C-alpha atoms as a PDB file:
ATOM      1  CA  UNK A   1      -0.441   5.900  28.381  1.00  0.00           C
ATOM      2  CA  UNK A   2       0.674   9.159  30.133  1.00  0.00           C
ATOM      3  CA  UNK A   3      -2.439  10.921  31.276  1.00  0.00           C
ATOM      4  CA  UNK A   4      -0.893  14.580  30.323  1.00  0.00           C
ATOM      5  CA  UNK A   5      -0.669  13.664  26.632  1.00  0.00           C
ATOM      6  CA  UNK A   6      -3.452  13.910  24.228  1.00  0.00           C
ATOM      7  CA  UNK A   7      -4.451  11.033  21.885  1.00  0.00           C
ATOM      8  CA  UNK A   8      -3.183  11.235  18.322  1.00  0.00           C
ATOM      9  CA  UNK A   9      -5.296  12.155  15.801  1.00  0.00           C
ATOM     10  CA  UNK A  10      -5.378  11.138  12.063  1.00  0.00           C
ATOM     11  CA  UNK A  11      -3.206  13.945  10.100  1.00  0.00           C
ATOM     12  CA  UNK A  12      -1.058  15.023  13.068  1.00  0.00           C
ATOM     13  CA  UNK A  13       2.522  15.134  12.523  1.00  0.00           C
ATOM     14  CA  UNK A  14       4.813  13.541  15.134  1.00  0.00           C
ATOM     15  CA  UNK A  15       8.702  13.533  15.283  1.00  0.00           C
ATOM     16  CA  UNK A  16      10.454  10.123  16.844  1.00  0.00           C
ATOM     17  CA  UNK A  17      13.388  10.514  19.343  1.00  0.00           C
ATOM     18  CA  UNK A  18      15.690   9.454  16.495  1.00  0.00           C
ATOM     19  CA  UNK A  19      14.893  12.727  14.495  1.00  0.00           C
ATOM     20  CA  UNK A  20      12.262  10.984  11.925  1.00  0.00           C
ATOM     21  CA  UNK A  21       8.976  12.503  10.887  1.00  0.00           C
ATOM     22  CA  UNK A  22       5.555  10.505  10.755  1.00  0.00           C
ATOM     23  CA  UNK A  23       2.073  11.332  10.408  1.00  0.00           C
ATOM     24  CA  UNK A  24      -0.897   9.917  12.132  1.00  0.00           C
ATOM     25  CA  UNK A  25      -2.917   7.555   9.863  1.00  0.00           C
ATOM     26  CA  UNK A  26      -5.516   6.221  12.296  1.00  0.00           C
ATOM     27  CA  UNK A  27      -5.945   4.786  15.772  1.00  0.00           C
ATOM     28  CA  UNK A  28      -6.864   0.848  15.270  1.00  0.00           C
ATOM     29  CA  UNK A  29      -7.993  -1.580  17.993  1.00  0.00           C
ATOM     30  CA  UNK A  30      -6.030  -5.410  18.048  1.00  0.00           C
ATOM     31  CA  UNK A  31      -8.690  -7.793  17.320  1.00  0.00           C
ATOM     32  CA  UNK A  32      -7.850 -10.143  19.891  1.00  0.00           C
ATOM     33  CA  UNK A  33      -6.982  -7.778  22.888  1.00  0.00           C
ATOM     34  CA  UNK A  34      -9.016  -4.560  21.785  1.00  0.00           C
ATOM     35  CA  UNK A  35      -5.618  -2.755  22.633  1.00  0.00           C
ATOM     36  CA  UNK A  36      -5.584   0.653  21.006  1.00  0.00           C
ATOM     37  CA  UNK A  37      -2.989   0.942  18.150  1.00  0.00           C
ATOM     38  CA  UNK A  38      -1.290   3.884  16.402  1.00  0.00           C
ATOM     39  CA  UNK A  39      -1.278   3.270  12.786  1.00  0.00           C
ATOM     40  CA  UNK A  40       1.310   5.912  11.421  1.00  0.00           C
ATOM     41  CA  UNK A  41       3.045   6.583   8.321  1.00  0.00           C
ATOM     42  CA  UNK A  42       6.863   7.521   7.664  1.00  0.00           C
ATOM     43  CA  UNK A  43       7.395  10.707   5.896  1.00  0.00           C
ATOM     44  CA  UNK A  44      10.615   9.679   4.545  1.00  0.00           C
ATOM     45  CA  UNK A  45      12.254   7.093   2.392  1.00  0.00           C
ATOM     46  CA  UNK A  46       9.527   4.530   0.992  1.00  0.00           C
ATOM     47  CA  UNK A  47       6.913   6.157   3.266  1.00  0.00           C
ATOM     48  CA  UNK A  48       6.345   2.887   5.199  1.00  0.00           C
ATOM     49  CA  UNK A  49       3.186   2.577   7.392  1.00  0.00           C
ATOM     50  CA  UNK A  50       3.612   1.283  10.829  1.00  0.00           C
ATOM     51  CA  UNK A  51       1.777   0.303  13.639  1.00  0.00           C
ATOM     52  CA  UNK A  52       2.395   0.226  17.520  1.00  0.00           C
ATOM     53  CA  UNK A  53       0.444  -0.299  20.560  1.00  0.00           C
ATOM     54  CA  UNK A  54      -0.805   3.400  21.827  1.00  0.00           C
ATOM     55  CA  UNK A  55       0.953   3.017  24.984  1.00  0.00           C
ATOM     56  CA  UNK A  56       4.370   2.520  23.380  1.00  0.00           C
ATOM     57  CA  UNK A  57       3.939   5.270  20.859  1.00  0.00           C
ATOM     58  CA  UNK A  58       3.100   7.640  23.900  1.00  0.00           C
ATOM     59  CA  UNK A  59       6.002   6.333  26.246  1.00  0.00           C
ATOM     60  CA  UNK A  60       9.039   8.196  27.674  1.00  0.00           C
ATOM     61  CA  UNK A  61      12.378   7.840  25.805  1.00  0.00           C
ATOM     62  CA  UNK A  62      14.382   5.152  27.666  1.00  0.00           C
ATOM     63  CA  UNK A  63      17.220   7.849  28.765  1.00  0.00           C
ATOM     64  CA  UNK A  64      19.343   5.173  30.379  1.00  0.00           C
ATOM     65  CA  UNK A  65      19.604   3.409  27.036  1.00  0.00           C
ATOM     66  CA  UNK A  66      19.794   6.614  24.969  1.00  0.00           C
ATOM     67  CA  UNK A  67      21.157   9.096  27.187  1.00  0.00           C
ATOM     68  CA  UNK A  68      22.183  11.847  24.648  1.00  0.00           C
ATOM     69  CA  UNK A  69      18.462  11.879  23.371  1.00  0.00           C
ATOM     70  CA  UNK A  70      16.752  15.475  24.597  1.00  0.00           C
ATOM     71  CA  UNK A  71      13.487  14.585  23.651  1.00  0.00           C
ATOM     72  CA  UNK A  72      11.194  13.542  26.407  1.00  0.00           C
ATOM     73  CA  UNK A  73       8.874  11.312  24.791  1.00  0.00           C
ATOM     74  CA  UNK A  74       9.478   8.504  22.034  1.00  0.00           C
ATOM     75  CA  UNK A  75       7.118  10.424  19.484  1.00  0.00           C
ATOM     76  CA  UNK A  76       6.362  14.246  20.424  1.00  0.00           C
ATOM     77  CA  UNK A  77       3.795  16.133  18.275  1.00  0.00           C
ATOM     78  CA  UNK A  78       4.935  18.509  15.838  1.00  0.00           C
ATOM     79  CA  UNK A  79       2.557  21.645  15.516  1.00  0.00           C
ATOM     80  CA  UNK A  80       2.278  22.801  12.035  1.00  0.00           C
ATOM     81  CA  UNK A  81      -0.429  25.421  11.082  1.00  0.00           C
ATOM     82  CA  UNK A  82      -2.765  24.014   8.691  1.00  0.00           C
ATOM     83  CA  UNK A  83      -3.468  27.406   6.867  1.00  0.00           C
ATOM     84  CA  UNK A  84      -7.300  27.487   7.673  1.00  0.00           C
ATOM     85  CA  UNK A  85      -6.943  30.446  10.046  1.00  0.00           C
ATOM     86  CA  UNK A  86      -5.687  33.755   9.096  1.00  0.00           C
ATOM     87  CA  UNK A  87      -2.692  34.334  11.360  1.00  0.00           C
ATOM     88  CA  UNK A  88      -2.512  37.355  13.358  1.00  0.00           C
ATOM     89  CA  UNK A  89       0.757  38.241  11.425  1.00  0.00           C
ATOM     90  CA  UNK A  90       3.056  36.881   8.761  1.00  0.00           C
ATOM     91  CA  UNK A  91       3.188  33.009   8.730  1.00  0.00           C
ATOM     92  CA  UNK A  92       5.690  31.400  10.557  1.00  0.00           C
ATOM     93  CA  UNK A  93       8.103  28.610   8.953  1.00  0.00           C
ATOM     94  CA  UNK A  94       5.638  25.902  10.140  1.00  0.00           C
ATOM     95  CA  UNK A  95       2.986  27.148   7.824  1.00  0.00           C
ATOM     96  CA  UNK A  96       5.278  27.310   4.751  1.00  0.00           C
ATOM     97  CA  UNK A  97       6.728  23.562   5.646  1.00  0.00           C
ATOM     98  CA  UNK A  98       3.244  22.325   5.737  1.00  0.00           C
ATOM     99  CA  UNK A  99       2.688  24.139   2.538  1.00  0.00           C
ATOM    100  CA  UNK A 100       5.757  22.136   1.358  1.00  0.00           C
ATOM    101  CA  UNK A 101       4.723  18.931   2.627  1.00  0.00           C
ATOM    102  CA  UNK A 102       1.203  19.407   0.972  1.00  0.00           C
ATOM    103  CA  UNK A 103       2.679  20.025  -2.569  1.00  0.00           C
ATOM    104  CA  UNK A 104       5.272  17.084  -2.170  1.00  0.00           C
ATOM    105  CA  UNK A 105       2.224  14.807  -1.244  1.00  0.00           C
ATOM    106  CA  UNK A 106       0.832  16.168  -4.662  1.00  0.00           C
ATOM    107  CA  UNK A 107       4.011  15.939  -6.676  1.00  0.00           C
ATOM    108  CA  UNK A 108       3.563  19.376  -7.429  1.00  0.00           C
ATOM    109  CA  UNK A 109       7.229  20.434  -8.087  1.00  0.00           C
ATOM    110  CA  UNK A 110       6.717  24.214  -8.910  1.00  0.00           C
ATOM    111  CA  UNK A 111       4.405  24.541  -5.570  1.00  0.00           C
ATOM    112  CA  UNK A 112       6.965  22.807  -3.560  1.00  0.00           C
ATOM    113  CA  UNK A 113       9.671  25.379  -5.154  1.00  0.00           C
ATOM    114  CA  UNK A 114       7.414  28.451  -4.369  1.00  0.00           C
ATOM    115  CA  UNK A 115       6.807  27.088  -0.794  1.00  0.00           C
ATOM    116  CA  UNK A 116      10.553  26.353  -0.251  1.00  0.00           C
ATOM    117  CA  UNK A 117      11.194  30.055  -1.517  1.00  0.00           C
ATOM    118  CA  UNK A 118       8.761  31.350   1.150  1.00  0.00           C
ATOM    119  CA  UNK A 119      10.462  29.355   3.835  1.00  0.00           C
ATOM    120  CA  UNK A 120      13.900  30.115   2.821  1.00  0.00           C
ATOM    121  CA  UNK A 121      13.753  33.501   5.144  1.00  0.00           C
ATOM    122  CA  UNK A 122      12.382  32.083   8.056  1.00  0.00           C
ATOM    123  CA  UNK A 123      14.002  28.411   8.089  1.00  0.00           C
ATOM    124  CA  UNK A 124      15.908  27.067  10.572  1.00  0.00           C
ATOM    125  CA  UNK A 125      18.152  24.036  10.648  1.00  0.00           C
ATOM    126  CA  UNK A 126      15.269  22.055  12.037  1.00  0.00           C
ATOM    127  CA  UNK A 127      13.005  22.888   9.117  1.00  0.00           C
ATOM    128  CA  UNK A 128      15.691  22.113   6.789  1.00  0.00           C
ATOM    129  CA  UNK A 129      16.486  18.945   8.163  1.00  0.00           C
ATOM    130  CA  UNK A 130      12.547  18.019   8.155  1.00  0.00           C
ATOM    131  CA  UNK A 131      12.609  18.680   4.490  1.00  0.00           C
ATOM    132  CA  UNK A 132      15.868  16.689   3.810  1.00  0.00           C
ATOM    133  CA  UNK A 133      14.475  13.644   5.780  1.00  0.00           C
ATOM    134  CA  UNK A 134      11.057  13.830   4.008  1.00  0.00           C
ATOM    135  CA  UNK A 135      12.830  14.070   0.487  1.00  0.00           C
ATOM    136  CA  UNK A 136      15.500  11.415   1.898  1.00  0.00           C
ATOM    137  CA  UNK A 137      18.437  13.511   0.881  1.00  0.00           C
ATOM    138  CA  UNK A 138      21.317  15.101   2.505  1.00  0.00           C
ATOM    139  CA  UNK A 139      21.952  18.943   1.967  1.00  0.00           C
ATOM    140  CA  UNK A 140      25.708  19.354   1.714  1.00  0.00           C
ATOM    141  CA  UNK A 141      25.672  23.335   2.567  1.00  0.00           C
ATOM    142  CA  UNK A 142      26.983  24.542   5.614  1.00  0.00           C
ATOM    143  CA  UNK A 143      24.618  27.088   6.152  1.00  0.00           C
ATOM    144  CA  UNK A 144      20.553  26.990   5.939  1.00  0.00           C
ATOM    145  CA  UNK A 145      20.608  29.223   2.935  1.00  0.00           C
ATOM    146  CA  UNK A 146      23.246  26.855   1.184  1.00  0.00           C
ATOM    147  CA  UNK A 147      21.312  23.701   2.244  1.00  0.00           C
ATOM    148  CA  UNK A 148      17.962  25.205   0.985  1.00  0.00           C
ATOM    149  CA  UNK A 149      19.879  25.788  -2.434  1.00  0.00           C
ATOM    150  CA  UNK A 150      20.804  22.119  -2.077  1.00  0.00           C
ATOM    151  CA  UNK A 151      16.968  21.231  -1.670  1.00  0.00           C
ATOM    152  CA  UNK A 152      16.131  23.292  -4.677  1.00  0.00           C
ATOM    153  CA  UNK A 153      18.434  21.595  -6.888  1.00  0.00           C
ATOM    154  CA  UNK A 154      17.105  18.566  -5.712  1.00  0.00           C
ATOM    155  CA  UNK A 155      13.701  19.105  -6.438  1.00  0.00           C
ATOM    156  CA  UNK A 156      14.434  20.394 -10.027  1.00  0.00           C
ATOM    157  CA  UNK A 157      16.218  17.160 -10.570  1.00  0.00           C
ATOM    158  CA  UNK A 158      12.959  15.133  -9.122  1.00  0.00           C
ATOM    159  CA  UNK A 159      10.597  17.608 -11.598  1.00  0.00           C
ATOM    160  CA  UNK A 160      13.026  17.004 -14.608  1.00  0.00           C
ATOM    161  CA  UNK A 161      13.289  13.220 -13.882  1.00  0.00           C
ATOM    162  CA  UNK A 162       9.483  13.217 -13.276  1.00  0.00           C
ATOM    163  CA  UNK A 163       9.039  15.061 -16.366  1.00  0.00           C
ATOM    164  CA  UNK A 164      11.188  12.840 -18.758  1.00  0.00           C
ATOM    165  CA  UNK A 165      10.119   9.333 -17.439  1.00  0.00           C
ATOM    166  CA  UNK A 166       6.587  10.405 -18.829  1.00  0.00           C
ATOM    167  CA  UNK A 167       7.575  11.074 -22.237  1.00  0.00           C
END
């Protein structure tokens, strides 16, 4: 394992070099070898849970095999403000992004829309891409503003579908 990197901690978010987001579930140990394993969950699609050796999780990208990849490591930690500390000024987009993901975990569509509204004035293409990835959708708009409008329509559709399904 690379000595300059810290051990993943449950609850942390990591971006794979192929631009998919994951959340750490736990660090486990192989029953035969004692090797440390990272258990992590996809934040897109079917939200599958994966396991891989810690050494492989922490390794650098093979830039000979993937020459166009800019990310240094296979998985890189994504910092998000947990909201537990009072920020010195206005919260940044990461605080609203985490608020969005928390609301999504709870299937609270109104809170998702509220967090999306807060995020909209600060969002970059990166935050929009993260949300689209987690919602397993593609926003068709050209600008960030248009893409956020697509995400809003998608959330409203999810809200309507879930509401009608329960009737």
